[in-house]
N, C-alpha and C. Protein backbone atom coordinates (compact mmCIF):
# COMPACT_ATOMS: atom_id res chain seq x y z
N MET A 1 11.58 1.33 21.37
CA MET A 1 11.16 0.44 20.30
C MET A 1 10.86 -0.94 20.87
N SER A 2 9.83 -1.52 20.37
CA SER A 2 9.47 -2.87 20.76
C SER A 2 10.21 -3.88 19.87
N ILE A 3 11.16 -4.59 20.43
CA ILE A 3 11.90 -5.60 19.67
C ILE A 3 10.95 -6.68 19.14
N ARG A 4 10.00 -7.03 19.97
CA ARG A 4 9.04 -8.08 19.59
C ARG A 4 8.21 -7.65 18.37
N LEU A 5 7.72 -6.41 18.37
CA LEU A 5 6.95 -5.89 17.24
C LEU A 5 7.83 -5.84 15.99
N TYR A 6 9.05 -5.35 16.14
CA TYR A 6 9.98 -5.28 15.02
C TYR A 6 10.19 -6.67 14.41
N GLU A 7 10.47 -7.65 15.24
CA GLU A 7 10.71 -9.02 14.76
C GLU A 7 9.47 -9.59 14.07
N GLU A 8 8.30 -9.32 14.61
CA GLU A 8 7.05 -9.79 14.00
C GLU A 8 6.83 -9.14 12.64
N MET A 9 7.11 -7.86 12.54
CA MET A 9 6.95 -7.16 11.26
C MET A 9 7.91 -7.71 10.22
N VAL A 10 9.15 -7.96 10.61
CA VAL A 10 10.12 -8.54 9.68
C VAL A 10 9.68 -9.94 9.25
N ALA A 11 9.20 -10.73 10.19
CA ALA A 11 8.73 -12.09 9.86
C ALA A 11 7.55 -12.03 8.90
N ARG A 12 6.63 -11.11 9.13
CA ARG A 12 5.47 -10.98 8.23
C ARG A 12 5.90 -10.48 6.86
N ALA A 13 6.85 -9.58 6.82
CA ALA A 13 7.35 -9.09 5.54
C ALA A 13 7.94 -10.26 4.74
N LYS A 14 8.70 -11.11 5.40
CA LYS A 14 9.27 -12.29 4.73
C LYS A 14 8.17 -13.24 4.29
N HIS A 15 7.15 -13.40 5.11
CA HIS A 15 6.03 -14.27 4.76
C HIS A 15 5.31 -13.76 3.51
N PHE A 16 5.03 -12.46 3.46
CA PHE A 16 4.39 -11.89 2.27
C PHE A 16 5.26 -12.07 1.03
N LEU A 17 6.56 -11.97 1.18
CA LEU A 17 7.47 -12.20 0.06
C LEU A 17 7.35 -13.65 -0.42
N ASN A 18 7.34 -14.60 0.50
CA ASN A 18 7.19 -16.01 0.13
C ASN A 18 5.84 -16.28 -0.53
N VAL A 19 4.79 -15.66 -0.02
CA VAL A 19 3.45 -15.83 -0.61
C VAL A 19 3.44 -15.24 -2.02
N SER A 20 4.11 -14.12 -2.20
CA SER A 20 4.19 -13.51 -3.52
C SER A 20 4.88 -14.45 -4.52
N GLU A 21 5.94 -15.08 -4.09
CA GLU A 21 6.64 -16.04 -4.96
C GLU A 21 5.73 -17.22 -5.31
N TYR A 22 4.95 -17.69 -4.34
CA TYR A 22 3.99 -18.77 -4.61
C TYR A 22 2.93 -18.30 -5.61
N ASP A 23 2.42 -17.08 -5.41
CA ASP A 23 1.42 -16.54 -6.33
C ASP A 23 1.93 -16.52 -7.76
N VAL A 24 3.19 -16.15 -7.94
CA VAL A 24 3.78 -16.13 -9.29
C VAL A 24 3.78 -17.54 -9.87
N SER A 25 4.18 -18.52 -9.06
CA SER A 25 4.22 -19.91 -9.56
C SER A 25 2.83 -20.42 -9.92
N ALA A 26 1.79 -19.84 -9.30
CA ALA A 26 0.41 -20.23 -9.58
C ALA A 26 -0.22 -19.37 -10.67
N GLY A 27 0.55 -18.44 -11.23
CA GLY A 27 0.04 -17.59 -12.30
C GLY A 27 -0.87 -16.46 -11.82
N ARG A 28 -0.86 -16.16 -10.54
CA ARG A 28 -1.68 -15.08 -9.97
C ARG A 28 -0.84 -13.82 -9.84
N TYR A 29 -0.51 -13.21 -10.95
CA TYR A 29 0.43 -12.10 -10.97
C TYR A 29 -0.11 -10.84 -10.28
N ASP A 30 -1.41 -10.59 -10.39
CA ASP A 30 -1.99 -9.42 -9.75
C ASP A 30 -1.88 -9.53 -8.22
N ILE A 31 -2.20 -10.69 -7.69
CA ILE A 31 -2.11 -10.91 -6.25
C ILE A 31 -0.65 -10.99 -5.80
N ALA A 32 0.22 -11.51 -6.67
CA ALA A 32 1.65 -11.56 -6.36
C ALA A 32 2.19 -10.14 -6.14
N LEU A 33 1.80 -9.22 -7.00
CA LEU A 33 2.24 -7.83 -6.83
C LEU A 33 1.69 -7.22 -5.55
N PHE A 34 0.44 -7.53 -5.23
CA PHE A 34 -0.14 -7.05 -3.98
C PHE A 34 0.65 -7.56 -2.78
N HIS A 35 0.94 -8.86 -2.77
CA HIS A 35 1.69 -9.42 -1.65
C HIS A 35 3.12 -8.87 -1.59
N LEU A 36 3.71 -8.62 -2.75
CA LEU A 36 5.05 -8.02 -2.78
C LEU A 36 5.00 -6.61 -2.20
N GLU A 37 3.97 -5.84 -2.56
CA GLU A 37 3.82 -4.50 -2.00
C GLU A 37 3.67 -4.56 -0.49
N GLN A 38 2.89 -5.51 0.00
CA GLN A 38 2.71 -5.66 1.44
C GLN A 38 4.04 -5.99 2.12
N SER A 39 4.84 -6.81 1.47
CA SER A 39 6.15 -7.16 2.00
C SER A 39 7.04 -5.93 2.12
N VAL A 40 7.09 -5.14 1.07
CA VAL A 40 7.92 -3.93 1.07
C VAL A 40 7.40 -2.93 2.10
N GLN A 41 6.08 -2.76 2.16
CA GLN A 41 5.49 -1.83 3.12
C GLN A 41 5.84 -2.22 4.56
N LEU A 42 5.69 -3.48 4.89
CA LEU A 42 6.03 -3.93 6.24
C LEU A 42 7.52 -3.81 6.53
N ALA A 43 8.35 -4.10 5.55
CA ALA A 43 9.80 -3.98 5.74
C ALA A 43 10.18 -2.52 5.99
N LEU A 44 9.57 -1.61 5.25
CA LEU A 44 9.85 -0.19 5.46
C LEU A 44 9.38 0.27 6.84
N LYS A 45 8.21 -0.18 7.25
CA LYS A 45 7.70 0.20 8.58
C LYS A 45 8.57 -0.40 9.68
N ALA A 46 9.06 -1.61 9.47
CA ALA A 46 9.97 -2.21 10.46
C ALA A 46 11.25 -1.40 10.54
N TYR A 47 11.76 -0.96 9.40
CA TYR A 47 12.96 -0.12 9.37
C TYR A 47 12.72 1.17 10.14
N LEU A 48 11.57 1.82 9.88
CA LEU A 48 11.25 3.06 10.59
C LEU A 48 11.13 2.83 12.09
N LEU A 49 10.53 1.70 12.47
CA LEU A 49 10.41 1.36 13.89
C LEU A 49 11.79 1.21 14.51
N LYS A 50 12.68 0.52 13.82
CA LYS A 50 14.02 0.28 14.36
C LYS A 50 14.83 1.58 14.47
N VAL A 51 14.74 2.42 13.46
CA VAL A 51 15.56 3.63 13.43
C VAL A 51 14.97 4.76 14.28
N PHE A 52 13.63 4.94 14.19
CA PHE A 52 13.00 6.09 14.86
C PHE A 52 12.15 5.71 16.06
N GLY A 53 11.93 4.40 16.28
CA GLY A 53 11.15 3.97 17.42
C GLY A 53 9.65 3.94 17.19
N ASP A 54 9.20 4.29 15.98
CA ASP A 54 7.79 4.29 15.64
C ASP A 54 7.65 4.31 14.13
N PHE A 55 6.44 4.11 13.67
CA PHE A 55 6.17 4.20 12.24
C PHE A 55 4.76 4.75 12.06
N PRO A 56 4.52 5.48 10.96
CA PRO A 56 3.19 6.06 10.75
C PRO A 56 2.22 5.02 10.21
N LYS A 57 0.96 5.28 10.39
CA LYS A 57 -0.08 4.38 9.90
C LYS A 57 -0.50 4.83 8.50
N ILE A 58 0.46 4.85 7.60
CA ILE A 58 0.21 5.21 6.20
C ILE A 58 0.59 4.02 5.33
N HIS A 59 0.16 4.05 4.07
CA HIS A 59 0.38 2.91 3.19
C HIS A 59 1.24 3.23 1.96
N SER A 60 1.49 4.48 1.70
CA SER A 60 2.24 4.88 0.51
C SER A 60 3.73 4.52 0.66
N LEU A 61 4.22 3.71 -0.27
CA LEU A 61 5.64 3.36 -0.26
C LEU A 61 6.50 4.61 -0.43
N LYS A 62 6.06 5.51 -1.30
CA LYS A 62 6.82 6.74 -1.54
C LYS A 62 6.95 7.54 -0.24
N ASP A 63 5.84 7.68 0.48
CA ASP A 63 5.86 8.44 1.73
C ASP A 63 6.73 7.75 2.77
N LEU A 64 6.64 6.44 2.85
CA LEU A 64 7.45 5.70 3.82
C LEU A 64 8.94 5.84 3.51
N ILE A 65 9.29 5.79 2.24
CA ILE A 65 10.69 5.96 1.84
C ILE A 65 11.17 7.37 2.19
N ASP A 66 10.34 8.37 1.92
CA ASP A 66 10.71 9.74 2.26
C ASP A 66 10.93 9.90 3.77
N LEU A 67 10.07 9.28 4.56
CA LEU A 67 10.20 9.37 6.01
C LEU A 67 11.43 8.64 6.55
N SER A 68 11.97 7.71 5.76
CA SER A 68 13.11 6.92 6.23
C SER A 68 14.37 7.77 6.41
N GLU A 69 14.44 8.88 5.71
CA GLU A 69 15.63 9.73 5.72
C GLU A 69 16.88 8.96 5.32
N ASN A 70 16.69 7.88 4.56
CA ASN A 70 17.79 7.04 4.11
C ASN A 70 18.09 7.39 2.65
N ASN A 71 19.25 7.98 2.42
CA ASN A 71 19.59 8.43 1.07
C ASN A 71 19.71 7.30 0.07
N CYS A 72 20.15 6.14 0.53
CA CYS A 72 20.25 4.98 -0.35
C CYS A 72 18.85 4.55 -0.82
N LEU A 73 17.91 4.45 0.10
CA LEU A 73 16.53 4.10 -0.26
C LEU A 73 15.92 5.15 -1.18
N LYS A 74 16.17 6.41 -0.87
CA LYS A 74 15.62 7.49 -1.69
C LYS A 74 16.18 7.45 -3.11
N LYS A 75 17.47 7.19 -3.25
CA LYS A 75 18.09 7.09 -4.57
C LYS A 75 17.54 5.89 -5.33
N LEU A 76 17.40 4.77 -4.66
CA LEU A 76 16.84 3.57 -5.28
C LEU A 76 15.42 3.84 -5.76
N ALA A 77 14.60 4.48 -4.94
CA ALA A 77 13.22 4.80 -5.31
C ALA A 77 13.18 5.80 -6.46
N GLU A 78 14.13 6.71 -6.47
CA GLU A 78 14.20 7.69 -7.57
C GLU A 78 14.55 7.00 -8.88
N ASP A 79 15.50 6.10 -8.84
CA ASP A 79 15.93 5.40 -10.05
C ASP A 79 14.90 4.38 -10.54
N LEU A 80 14.19 3.77 -9.59
CA LEU A 80 13.22 2.72 -9.93
C LEU A 80 11.79 3.16 -9.61
N TRP A 81 11.50 4.43 -9.88
CA TRP A 81 10.19 5.01 -9.57
C TRP A 81 9.05 4.21 -10.17
N TYR A 82 9.25 3.67 -11.36
CA TYR A 82 8.18 2.94 -12.05
C TYR A 82 7.81 1.65 -11.30
N ILE A 83 8.76 1.03 -10.62
CA ILE A 83 8.45 -0.17 -9.83
C ILE A 83 7.61 0.21 -8.61
N ILE A 84 7.97 1.31 -7.96
CA ILE A 84 7.18 1.79 -6.83
C ILE A 84 5.76 2.10 -7.29
N ASP A 85 5.62 2.74 -8.46
CA ASP A 85 4.29 3.04 -9.00
C ASP A 85 3.49 1.78 -9.26
N ILE A 86 4.13 0.76 -9.83
CA ILE A 86 3.44 -0.50 -10.12
C ILE A 86 2.99 -1.15 -8.81
N LEU A 87 3.86 -1.17 -7.81
CA LEU A 87 3.50 -1.79 -6.53
C LEU A 87 2.36 -1.03 -5.85
N GLU A 88 2.41 0.30 -5.88
CA GLU A 88 1.33 1.07 -5.26
C GLU A 88 0.02 0.87 -6.01
N ASP A 89 0.08 0.79 -7.33
CA ASP A 89 -1.12 0.52 -8.13
C ASP A 89 -1.67 -0.87 -7.81
N ALA A 90 -0.80 -1.84 -7.62
CA ALA A 90 -1.22 -3.20 -7.27
C ALA A 90 -1.93 -3.20 -5.92
N TYR A 91 -1.42 -2.43 -4.98
CA TYR A 91 -2.05 -2.34 -3.65
C TYR A 91 -3.46 -1.78 -3.77
N ILE A 92 -3.58 -0.67 -4.47
CA ILE A 92 -4.90 -0.03 -4.62
C ILE A 92 -5.83 -0.93 -5.41
N GLY A 93 -5.31 -1.49 -6.50
CA GLY A 93 -6.14 -2.35 -7.34
C GLY A 93 -6.64 -3.59 -6.62
N ALA A 94 -5.79 -4.22 -5.84
CA ALA A 94 -6.18 -5.45 -5.14
C ALA A 94 -7.18 -5.16 -4.03
N ARG A 95 -7.07 -4.02 -3.40
CA ARG A 95 -7.96 -3.70 -2.29
C ARG A 95 -9.29 -3.11 -2.74
N TYR A 96 -9.27 -2.36 -3.83
CA TYR A 96 -10.46 -1.59 -4.17
C TYR A 96 -11.01 -1.84 -5.57
N LEU A 97 -10.21 -2.37 -6.47
CA LEU A 97 -10.65 -2.56 -7.85
C LEU A 97 -10.40 -4.01 -8.26
N ILE A 98 -11.34 -4.87 -8.00
CA ILE A 98 -11.18 -6.28 -8.33
C ILE A 98 -11.06 -6.41 -9.84
N ARG A 99 -9.98 -7.04 -10.28
CA ARG A 99 -9.74 -7.21 -11.71
C ARG A 99 -9.77 -8.67 -12.08
N ARG A 100 -10.31 -8.95 -13.22
CA ARG A 100 -10.29 -10.29 -13.77
C ARG A 100 -9.50 -10.27 -15.05
N LEU A 101 -8.70 -11.28 -15.27
CA LEU A 101 -7.82 -11.31 -16.44
C LEU A 101 -8.38 -12.20 -17.55
N TRP A 102 -9.67 -12.43 -17.56
CA TRP A 102 -10.23 -13.24 -18.65
C TRP A 102 -11.34 -12.53 -19.33
């Protein structure tokens, strides 16, 4: 495992979280959800890198959680499935379906 890559991924995940919080304060809720999804995705990939030494080049939070083999994460995702769905929809919507709220 590359410690440097892991640390960079964690730093970027934190950055996306901070950007998401800023987006909320600016009333950009759609972009805030996208940035939050990016934060979670990077954090999950960093976790996979740390535990397994690599991570797949996929974007689905559900798939990344399944690959984690972490029962706590799996239980959390099972209980809060609707949040995972919202975040995945925000990712797809922000990248491929530009939405306007007016």
